[in-house]
Protein backbone atom coordinates (compact mmCIF):
# COMPACT_ATOMS: atom_id res chain seq x y z
CA UNK A 1 -0.06 0.01 -0.03
CA UNK A 2 2.95 2.34 0.68
CA UNK A 3 4.02 1.93 -3.06
CA UNK A 4 0.46 2.63 -4.30
CA UNK A 5 -0.03 5.76 -2.32
CA UNK A 6 3.27 7.31 -2.73
CA UNK A 7 5.37 6.03 -5.49
CA UNK A 8 2.54 5.78 -8.02
CA UNK A 9 1.17 9.15 -7.00
CA UNK A 10 4.45 10.74 -7.61
CA UNK A 11 5.52 8.88 -10.71
CA UNK A 12 2.25 8.54 -12.80
CA UNK A 13 1.53 9.76 -16.29
CA UNK A 14 -0.81 12.54 -14.87
CA UNK A 15 1.65 13.92 -12.49
CA UNK A 16 1.77 17.23 -14.29
CA UNK A 17 -1.96 17.80 -14.31
CA UNK A 18 -3.21 20.45 -11.78
CA UNK A 19 -4.12 18.59 -8.47
CA UNK A 20 -7.20 20.89 -8.09
CA UNK A 21 -8.44 19.74 -11.37
CA UNK A 22 -8.01 16.04 -10.61
CA UNK A 23 -9.63 16.49 -7.25
CA UNK A 24 -12.56 18.32 -8.87
CA UNK A 25 -13.04 15.55 -11.40
CA UNK A 26 -12.98 13.04 -8.57
CA UNK A 27 -15.31 14.91 -6.30
CA UNK A 28 -17.81 15.45 -9.21
CA UNK A 29 -17.63 11.76 -10.10
CA UNK A 30 -18.46 10.59 -6.53
CA UNK A 31 -21.49 12.98 -6.49
CA UNK A 32 -22.73 11.65 -9.78
CA UNK A 33 -22.53 8.20 -8.73
CA UNK A 34 -24.52 8.91 -5.64
CA UNK A 35 -27.08 11.06 -7.61
CA UNK A 36 -27.63 8.41 -10.24
CA UNK A 37 -30.94 6.35 -9.90
CA UNK A 38 -29.58 3.75 -12.21
CA UNK A 39 -26.21 1.78 -12.65
CA UNK A 40 -25.55 3.54 -16.01
CA UNK A 41 -23.76 6.66 -14.64
CA UNK A 42 -21.59 4.87 -11.96
CA UNK A 43 -20.61 2.33 -14.58
CA UNK A 44 -19.79 4.96 -17.09
CA UNK A 45 -17.71 6.87 -14.42
CA UNK A 46 -15.91 3.61 -13.59
CA UNK A 47 -15.04 3.04 -17.18
CA UNK A 48 -13.80 6.44 -17.87
CA UNK A 49 -11.59 6.89 -14.73
CA UNK A 50 -10.42 3.37 -15.02
CA UNK A 51 -9.28 3.99 -18.53
CA UNK A 52 -7.71 7.28 -17.44
CA UNK A 53 -5.69 5.54 -14.61
CA UNK A 54 -4.49 2.61 -16.88
CA UNK A 55 -4.03 4.43 -20.12
CA UNK A 56 -3.11 7.96 -19.18
CA UNK A 57 -1.65 7.59 -15.64
CA UNK A 58 0.17 4.46 -16.77
CA UNK A 59 -0.78 2.49 -13.65
CA UNK A 60 -0.27 -1.24 -14.26
CA UNK A 61 -3.77 -2.80 -14.84
CA UNK A 62 -2.91 -5.73 -12.68
CA UNK A 63 -2.30 -3.22 -9.72
CA UNK A 64 -5.50 -1.43 -10.46
CA UNK A 65 -7.61 -4.49 -10.62
CA UNK A 66 -6.07 -5.88 -7.44
CA UNK A 67 -7.00 -2.78 -5.39
CA UNK A 68 -10.52 -2.42 -6.73
CA UNK A 69 -11.20 -6.13 -6.15
CA UNK A 70 -11.22 -5.66 -2.29
CA UNK A 71 -14.04 -3.12 -1.99
CA UNK A 72 -15.73 -4.93 -4.87
CA UNK A 73 -15.98 -8.22 -3.03
CA UNK A 74 -17.48 -6.46 -0.01
CA UNK A 75 -20.01 -4.74 -2.28
CA UNK A 76 -21.07 -8.12 -3.91
CA UNK A 77 -21.59 -9.73 -0.42
CA UNK A 78 -23.69 -6.74 0.76
CA UNK A 79 -25.65 -6.80 -2.68
CA UNK A 80 -26.42 -10.43 -2.21
CA UNK A 81 -27.91 -9.82 1.24
CA UNK A 82 -29.87 -6.82 -0.09
CA UNK A 83 -31.15 -8.74 -3.02
CA UNK A 84 -32.34 -11.62 -0.93
CA UNK A 85 -33.90 -9.71 1.86
CA UNK A 86 -35.64 -6.89 0.03
CA UNK A 87 -39.46 -7.27 -0.47
CA UNK A 88 -41.04 -7.22 -3.85
CA UNK A 89 -41.92 -9.38 -6.78
CA UNK A 90 -40.22 -12.84 -6.21
CA UNK A 91 -38.12 -14.16 -9.04
CA UNK A 92 -36.82 -17.31 -7.34
CA UNK A 93 -36.62 -18.77 -3.74
CA UNK A 94 -33.67 -20.37 -1.97
CA UNK A 95 -35.15 -22.00 0.98
CA UNK A 96 -36.51 -19.18 3.30
CA UNK A 97 -34.65 -16.57 1.19
CA UNK A 98 -36.49 -14.87 -1.80
CA UNK A 99 -34.90 -12.93 -4.61
CA UNK A 100 -37.13 -10.08 -5.44
CA UNK A 101 -37.00 -7.94 -8.66
CA UNK A 102 -36.72 -4.85 -6.46
CA UNK A 103 -33.90 -6.47 -4.50
CA UNK A 104 -32.00 -7.50 -7.57
CA UNK A 105 -32.17 -3.93 -8.87
CA UNK A 106 -31.10 -2.56 -5.66
CA UNK A 107 -28.15 -4.94 -5.36
CA UNK A 108 -27.03 -4.00 -8.88
CA UNK A 109 -27.31 -0.27 -8.05
CA UNK A 110 -25.29 -0.77 -4.81
CA UNK A 111 -22.49 -2.62 -6.76
CA UNK A 112 -22.35 -0.09 -9.55
CA UNK A 113 -22.13 2.86 -7.15
CA UNK A 114 -19.35 1.08 -5.15
CA UNK A 115 -17.45 0.53 -8.34
CA UNK A 116 -17.94 4.19 -9.52
CA UNK A 117 -17.11 5.58 -6.13
CA UNK A 118 -13.86 3.46 -5.64
CA UNK A 119 -12.86 4.28 -9.09
CA UNK A 120 -13.16 7.96 -8.34
CA UNK A 121 -11.20 7.65 -4.97
CA UNK A 122 -8.50 5.62 -6.70
CA UNK A 123 -8.23 8.10 -9.51
CA UNK A 124 -7.41 10.85 -7.04
CA UNK A 125 -5.20 8.60 -4.81
CA UNK A 126 -3.14 7.07 -7.57
CA UNK A 127 -2.55 10.43 -9.43
CA UNK A 128 -2.36 13.04 -6.71
CA UNK A 129 0.36 13.07 -3.87
CA UNK A 130 -0.95 13.59 -0.41
CA UNK A 131 1.31 16.65 0.06
CA UNK A 132 -0.58 18.40 -2.76
CA UNK A 133 -4.01 17.38 -1.41
CA UNK A 134 -2.93 18.89 2.08
CA UNK A 135 -1.80 21.99 0.27
CA UNK A 136 -5.27 22.36 -1.32
CA UNK A 137 -7.04 21.89 2.05
CA UNK A 138 -4.83 24.42 3.61
CA UNK A 139 -5.66 27.00 0.88
CA UNK A 140 -9.40 26.16 1.22
CA UNK A 141 -9.36 27.36 4.85
CA UNK A 142 -9.05 24.14 6.74
CA UNK A 143 -7.73 24.75 10.25
CA UNK A 144 -3.90 24.78 10.20
CA UNK A 145 -3.55 22.54 13.25
CA UNK A 146 -5.74 20.00 11.53
CA UNK A 147 -3.75 19.95 8.39
CA UNK A 148 -0.45 19.57 10.28
CA UNK A 149 -1.88 16.76 12.38
CA UNK A 150 -3.20 15.05 9.31
CA UNK A 151 0.22 15.31 7.66
CA UNK A 152 2.04 13.97 10.75
CA UNK A 153 -0.45 10.96 11.15
CA UNK A 154 0.01 10.24 7.40
CA UNK A 155 3.76 10.26 7.94
CA UNK A 156 3.76 7.99 10.97
CA UNK A 157 1.44 5.52 9.32
CA UNK A 158 4.33 4.61 6.94
CA UNK A 159 6.91 4.78 9.62
CA UNK A 160 4.89 2.03 11.45
CA UNK A 161 4.43 0.06 8.31
CA UNK A 162 8.12 0.27 7.44
CA UNK A 163 9.11 -0.92 11.01
CA UNK A 164 6.53 -3.76 10.78
CA UNK A 165 7.82 -5.02 7.50
CA UNK A 166 11.51 -4.95 8.76
CA UNK A 167 10.50 -7.11 11.85
CA UNK A 168 8.46 -9.41 9.92
CA UNK A 169 11.22 -10.02 7.26
CA UNK A 170 13.73 -10.61 10.25
CA UNK A 171 11.31 -13.23 11.75
CA UNK A 172 10.74 -14.91 8.26
CA UNK A 173 14.60 -15.22 7.92
CA UNK A 174 14.57 -17.18 11.24
CA UNK A 175 11.80 -19.49 10.24
CA UNK A 176 9.55 -18.37 13.10
CA UNK A 177 6.44 -19.07 11.07
CA UNK A 178 6.81 -22.75 10.66
CA UNK A 179 3.86 -23.57 12.67
CA UNK A 180 0.51 -22.08 13.88
CA UNK A 181 1.75 -21.80 17.46
CA UNK A 182 5.02 -20.16 16.56
CA UNK A 183 3.28 -17.77 14.29
CA UNK A 184 0.97 -16.59 17.02
CA UNK A 185 3.93 -16.28 19.34
CA UNK A 186 5.91 -14.36 16.76
CA UNK A 187 2.96 -12.00 16.09
CA UNK A 188 2.76 -11.20 19.71
CA UNK A 189 6.50 -10.45 19.77
CA UNK A 190 6.20 -8.30 16.56
CA UNK A 191 3.37 -6.23 18.21
CA UNK A 192 5.40 -5.59 21.26
CA UNK A 193 8.61 -4.74 19.57
CA UNK A 194 6.86 -2.64 16.87
CA UNK A 195 5.44 -0.11 19.30
CA UNK A 196 8.87 0.51 20.84
CA UNK A 197 10.71 0.80 17.57
CA UNK A 198 8.01 2.96 16.07
CA UNK A 199 8.12 5.35 19.10
CA UNK A 200 11.94 5.61 18.72
CA UNK A 201 11.67 6.35 15.09
CA UNK A 202 9.13 8.89 15.79
CA UNK A 203 11.33 10.64 18.30
CA UNK A 204 14.30 10.63 15.80
CA UNK A 205 11.89 12.12 13.23
CA UNK A 206 10.89 14.98 15.48
CA UNK A 207 14.52 15.70 16.37
CA UNK A 208 15.33 15.92 12.69
CA UNK A 209 12.26 18.22 12.06
CA UNK A 210 13.44 20.51 15.02
CA UNK A 211 16.97 20.62 13.57
CA UNK A 212 15.57 21.96 10.45
CA UNK A 213 13.74 24.80 12.34
CA UNK A 214 10.26 23.24 12.31
CA UNK A 215 7.83 25.93 13.75
CA UNK A 216 4.63 23.90 13.62
CA UNK A 217 4.02 24.76 9.91
CA UNK A 218 5.29 22.51 7.08
CA UNK A 219 5.85 24.37 3.75
CA UNK A 220 3.60 23.03 1.10
CA UNK A 221 2.93 24.23 -2.46
CA UNK A 222 0.99 23.09 -5.50
CA UNK A 223 3.36 22.71 -8.43
CA UNK A 224 1.09 22.46 -11.31
CA UNK A 225 -1.23 25.15 -12.83
CA UNK A 226 -4.35 24.40 -14.81
CA UNK A 227 -3.45 23.88 -18.42
CA UNK A 228 -5.98 24.68 -21.27
CA UNK A 229 -5.94 21.10 -22.64
CA UNK A 230 -6.38 19.42 -19.35
CA UNK A 231 -9.25 21.85 -18.49
CA UNK A 232 -11.05 21.06 -21.81
CA UNK A 233 -10.64 17.33 -21.39
CA UNK A 234 -12.04 17.59 -17.85
CA UNK A 235 -15.00 19.73 -19.06
CA UNK A 236 -15.77 17.26 -21.71
CA UNK A 237 -15.84 14.44 -19.22
CA UNK A 238 -17.91 16.42 -16.74
CA UNK A 239 -20.42 17.51 -19.32
CA UNK A 240 -20.76 13.95 -20.70
CA UNK A 241 -21.53 12.36 -17.31
CA UNK A 242 -23.82 15.27 -16.50
CA UNK A 243 -25.81 14.84 -19.75
CA UNK A 244 -25.98 11.07 -19.03
CA UNK A 245 -27.09 11.73 -15.50
CA UNK A 246 -29.89 13.99 -16.48
CA UNK A 247 -30.96 11.61 -19.19
CA UNK A 248 -31.44 8.67 -16.77
CA UNK A 249 -33.20 10.95 -14.19
CA UNK A 250 -35.59 12.17 -16.87
CA UNK A 251 -36.06 8.53 -18.12
CA UNK A 252 -36.82 7.27 -14.56
CA UNK A 253 -39.39 10.19 -14.03
CA UNK A 254 -41.13 9.66 -17.28
């Protein structure tokens, strides 16, 4: 996950696109998925943003499919429960459970909205570094202390993960996971050592920050302005999704 959030966000093909523009496209896509009464708009959003991530940002398709499969599996399980427990015209029965037409439609809508929403979030996460997101939040008037705290939490998450991976690799070299009992004991040891080592790393990080005259405010800056070509492409996408959303809303109310 460290590579997905950091390395891909800094090295993708859309790195030179304005972060404000990418966040605007992502936020609009999420709103469009929520507002759509049919699966058409969320599926269109997922297809467009997925293609942008793979073709334009040049994120490996195996990586993209792998990270989207996790929320999709939860959505499929939830959709199955909704489809089997919702009242309505019964299509088939499975014991005491009944699959209704309305439940099936709600299940499809739930899955499509999940796909569209996660595609929007992954579009922003895989193409926009967190430092630029924090800079935008600061410029929008978010409290300074909250921005600084969020940045430190984000940094310390990866400090904790790095220490956990180092300890786990050392344990595997010593063959401590050869049995279930030894694996449980090794996990308990990892948890106890991890807290102490992460605390020490955090103290060293704070000393390094203080030595660089840290005064409670980290310097942040947005590095890319909005280019006309990028703006036109984003407007075409937004207008197309808006037209599709209005069409399905009018079709549902007709």
